[in-house]
Amino acid sequence: MRMIFMGPPGAGKGTQAALVAGRYGIPAISTGDIFRANVGQGTPLGLEAKKYMDAGEYVPDSVTNSMVRNRIAEADAEPGFLLDGYPRTTAQVEELDGMVAATGHSIDVAVVLTVDSEELVQRLLKRAETSGRSDDTEDVIRHRQQVYVEQTAPLIDVYRERGLLVEVDGMGEVDEVTERILSALDARA
């Protein structure tokens, strides 16, 4: 299974991606985690990514595309993968299509988590308190949501037109949302 998780920042994609990928025995590949690891290690990629992340902007496609291409080529992604946080732009959709086609496969499903925007702000502010993430100030959170609406939300229509979109209510307890996702995926099988 090759799937994509989409939704605004704070929708719970990372949490759900790990749970769902575990159920399917495939790696959850999060561009955000890879960026944060590089920032923490002070790598050149991390320093470049940090400038954009701290401003609430997306890391440039060239950096992100190379990173994803390398990651999905690793052996553990051979049976499938779950992408969390990629693609984020229509240009990245085209790039991903090429990457996956080169392996003889295609994307099977795109799951979008829907969550109330004010709930998202509160979730992210709470996360900032507990995890100390420098990129989770209220102004940056609201800006990231606007960037999502402008750049990433149009991807929902791309995957809907391809017949690959599954919309899931992301509100509620983690296990409730997980069950909704798994039920929706089972219904597609």
Protein backbone atom coordinates (compact mmCIF):
# COMPACT_ATOMS: atom_id res chain seq x y z
CA MET A 1 0.00 0.00 0.00
CA ARG A 2 1.31 3.42 -0.99
CA MET A 3 -0.61 6.18 0.71
CA ILE A 4 -0.52 9.87 1.47
CA PHE A 5 -1.83 11.59 4.59
CA MET A 6 -2.94 15.19 4.18
CA GLY A 7 -4.53 17.78 6.40
CA PRO A 8 -3.69 21.11 7.97
CA PRO A 9 -0.89 21.45 10.52
CA GLY A 10 -2.09 20.00 13.83
CA ALA A 11 -4.71 17.69 12.32
CA GLY A 12 -2.99 14.65 13.83
CA LYS A 13 -1.35 13.34 10.67
CA GLY A 14 1.87 12.29 12.40
CA THR A 15 0.12 10.43 15.20
CA GLN A 16 -2.28 8.70 12.84
CA ALA A 17 0.38 7.97 10.23
CA ALA A 18 2.46 6.03 12.75
CA LEU A 19 -0.54 4.00 13.90
CA VAL A 20 -1.89 3.24 10.42
CA ALA A 21 1.55 2.47 8.94
CA GLY A 22 2.16 0.07 11.82
CA ARG A 23 -1.09 -1.70 11.05
CA TYR A 24 -0.07 -2.14 7.40
CA GLY A 25 3.58 -2.97 8.14
CA ILE A 26 4.94 -0.08 6.07
CA PRO A 27 7.11 2.87 7.07
CA ALA A 28 5.51 6.20 7.94
CA ILE A 29 7.68 8.77 6.19
CA SER A 30 7.36 12.25 7.64
CA THR A 31 9.18 15.12 5.98
CA GLY A 32 8.68 17.15 9.15
CA ASP A 33 10.49 14.54 11.27
CA ILE A 34 13.34 14.39 8.78
CA PHE A 35 13.62 18.19 8.75
CA ARG A 36 13.56 18.39 12.56
CA ALA A 37 16.22 15.67 12.85
CA ASN A 38 18.47 17.61 10.48
CA VAL A 39 17.82 20.85 12.37
CA GLY A 40 18.70 19.13 15.65
CA GLN A 41 21.92 17.76 14.16
CA GLY A 42 22.81 21.13 12.62
CA THR A 43 23.30 19.67 9.13
CA PRO A 44 23.43 22.02 6.12
CA LEU A 45 19.99 20.75 5.08
CA GLY A 46 18.73 21.34 8.61
CA LEU A 47 20.06 24.89 8.73
CA GLU A 48 18.43 25.65 5.37
CA ALA A 49 15.14 24.01 6.40
CA LYS A 50 15.08 25.82 9.77
CA LYS A 51 14.93 29.24 8.12
CA TYR A 52 11.72 28.28 6.37
CA MET A 53 10.22 26.28 9.24
CA ASP A 54 10.70 29.08 11.77
CA ALA A 55 8.90 31.49 9.42
CA GLY A 56 6.07 28.99 8.90
CA GLU A 57 6.99 28.54 5.24
CA TYR A 58 7.45 25.32 3.32
CA VAL A 59 10.96 24.04 2.69
CA PRO A 60 11.79 24.44 -1.05
CA ASP A 61 10.67 21.64 -3.34
CA SER A 62 14.19 20.84 -4.54
CA VAL A 63 15.34 19.94 -1.03
CA THR A 64 12.14 18.09 -0.13
CA ASN A 65 11.87 16.15 -3.41
CA SER A 66 15.42 14.82 -3.17
CA MET A 67 14.89 13.77 0.42
CA VAL A 68 11.63 11.92 -0.37
CA ARG A 69 13.06 10.27 -3.49
CA ASN A 70 15.96 8.88 -1.46
CA ARG A 71 13.70 7.73 1.36
CA ILE A 72 11.12 5.84 -0.73
CA ALA A 73 14.00 4.09 -2.53
CA GLU A 74 15.10 2.45 0.75
CA ALA A 75 14.45 -1.27 1.18
CA ASP A 76 11.81 -0.94 3.92
CA ALA A 77 9.62 1.12 1.55
CA GLU A 78 9.62 -1.59 -1.14
CA PRO A 79 6.28 -3.11 -0.02
CA GLY A 80 4.75 0.36 0.42
CA PHE A 81 4.85 3.52 2.49
CA LEU A 82 2.76 6.20 4.08
CA LEU A 83 3.81 9.78 3.30
CA ASP A 84 3.00 12.35 5.97
CA GLY A 85 3.56 15.96 4.94
CA TYR A 86 4.34 15.29 1.29
CA PRO A 87 3.27 16.26 -1.31
CA ARG A 88 2.32 19.79 -0.31
CA THR A 89 2.14 21.48 -3.70
CA THR A 90 0.90 20.51 -7.15
CA ALA A 91 4.51 20.53 -8.37
CA GLN A 92 5.35 17.96 -5.66
CA VAL A 93 2.38 15.82 -6.78
CA GLU A 94 3.89 15.63 -10.26
CA GLU A 95 7.33 14.86 -8.81
CA LEU A 96 5.90 12.12 -6.59
CA ASP A 97 3.98 10.60 -9.50
CA GLY A 98 7.29 10.28 -11.36
CA MET A 99 9.13 8.84 -8.35
CA VAL A 100 6.49 6.18 -7.73
CA ALA A 101 6.01 5.38 -11.43
CA ALA A 102 9.77 4.76 -11.68
CA THR A 103 9.29 1.90 -9.20
CA GLY A 104 6.44 0.44 -11.27
CA HIS A 105 3.78 1.46 -8.77
CA SER A 106 1.27 4.24 -8.14
CA ILE A 107 -0.30 5.95 -5.14
CA ASP A 108 -3.18 3.83 -3.83
CA VAL A 109 -5.00 6.30 -1.58
CA ALA A 110 -4.82 9.83 -0.20
CA VAL A 111 -6.33 10.30 3.25
CA VAL A 112 -7.24 13.83 4.33
CA LEU A 113 -7.97 14.57 7.99
CA THR A 114 -10.48 17.36 8.49
CA VAL A 115 -10.38 19.39 11.73
CA ASP A 116 -11.91 22.70 12.83
CA SER A 117 -9.36 25.53 12.34
CA GLU A 118 -9.68 26.98 15.86
CA GLU A 119 -9.28 23.49 17.32
CA LEU A 120 -6.06 23.21 15.32
CA VAL A 121 -4.67 26.44 16.79
CA GLN A 122 -5.38 25.22 20.32
CA ARG A 123 -3.86 21.80 19.63
CA LEU A 124 -0.67 23.35 18.28
CA LEU A 125 -0.34 25.86 21.10
CA LYS A 126 -0.68 23.00 23.57
CA ARG A 127 1.93 20.99 21.64
CA ALA A 128 4.28 23.98 21.75
CA GLU A 129 3.99 24.05 25.56
CA THR A 130 4.70 20.35 25.96
CA SER A 131 7.34 19.82 23.26
CA GLY A 132 9.10 23.18 23.14
CA ARG A 133 8.85 23.47 19.34
CA SER A 134 10.16 26.87 18.31
CA ASP A 135 7.96 26.89 15.20
CA ASP A 136 4.68 26.71 17.17
CA THR A 137 3.89 30.34 18.08
CA GLU A 138 0.32 31.49 17.48
CA ASP A 139 1.31 33.84 14.64
CA VAL A 140 3.35 31.12 12.91
CA ILE A 141 0.57 28.56 13.45
CA ARG A 142 -2.01 30.84 11.82
CA HIS A 143 0.37 31.63 8.97
CA ARG A 144 1.05 27.91 8.38
CA GLN A 145 -2.69 27.31 8.21
CA GLN A 146 -3.04 30.03 5.58
CA VAL A 147 -0.14 28.56 3.58
CA TYR A 148 -1.87 25.16 3.78
CA VAL A 149 -5.13 26.62 2.46
CA GLU A 150 -3.35 28.35 -0.42
CA GLN A 151 -0.83 25.68 -1.44
CA THR A 152 -1.86 22.27 -0.14
CA ALA A 153 -5.66 22.26 0.03
CA PRO A 154 -5.84 22.26 -3.82
CA LEU A 155 -4.22 18.80 -3.74
CA ILE A 156 -7.40 17.46 -2.18
CA ASP A 157 -9.17 18.14 -5.47
CA VAL A 158 -6.35 16.50 -7.47
CA TYR A 159 -6.70 13.25 -5.52
CA ARG A 160 -10.51 13.48 -5.49
CA GLU A 161 -10.49 13.75 -9.31
CA ARG A 162 -8.24 10.67 -9.47
CA GLY A 163 -10.70 8.74 -7.28
CA LEU A 164 -8.06 8.26 -4.56
CA LEU A 165 -9.34 10.62 -1.85
CA VAL A 166 -10.67 9.41 1.50
CA GLU A 167 -11.88 12.18 3.83
CA VAL A 168 -11.86 11.37 7.55
CA ASP A 169 -13.08 13.47 10.48
CA GLY A 170 -9.95 14.18 12.54
CA MET A 171 -11.83 15.44 15.60
CA GLY A 172 -12.03 13.30 18.73
CA GLU A 173 -9.81 10.90 20.61
CA VAL A 174 -6.80 9.39 18.84
CA ASP A 175 -8.22 5.84 18.85
CA GLU A 176 -11.57 7.04 17.47
CA VAL A 177 -9.85 8.77 14.56
CA THR A 178 -7.65 5.72 13.92
CA GLU A 179 -10.73 3.50 13.72
CA ARG A 180 -12.38 5.91 11.27
CA ILE A 181 -9.28 5.84 9.05
CA LEU A 182 -8.93 2.05 9.14
CA SER A 183 -12.65 1.59 8.41
CA ALA A 184 -12.42 3.98 5.45
CA LEU A 185 -9.36 2.15 4.10
CA ASP A 186 -10.99 -1.25 4.58
CA ALA A 187 -14.04 0.00 2.67
CA ARG A 188 -11.78 0.82 -0.32
CA ALA A 189 -10.10 -2.60 -0.34
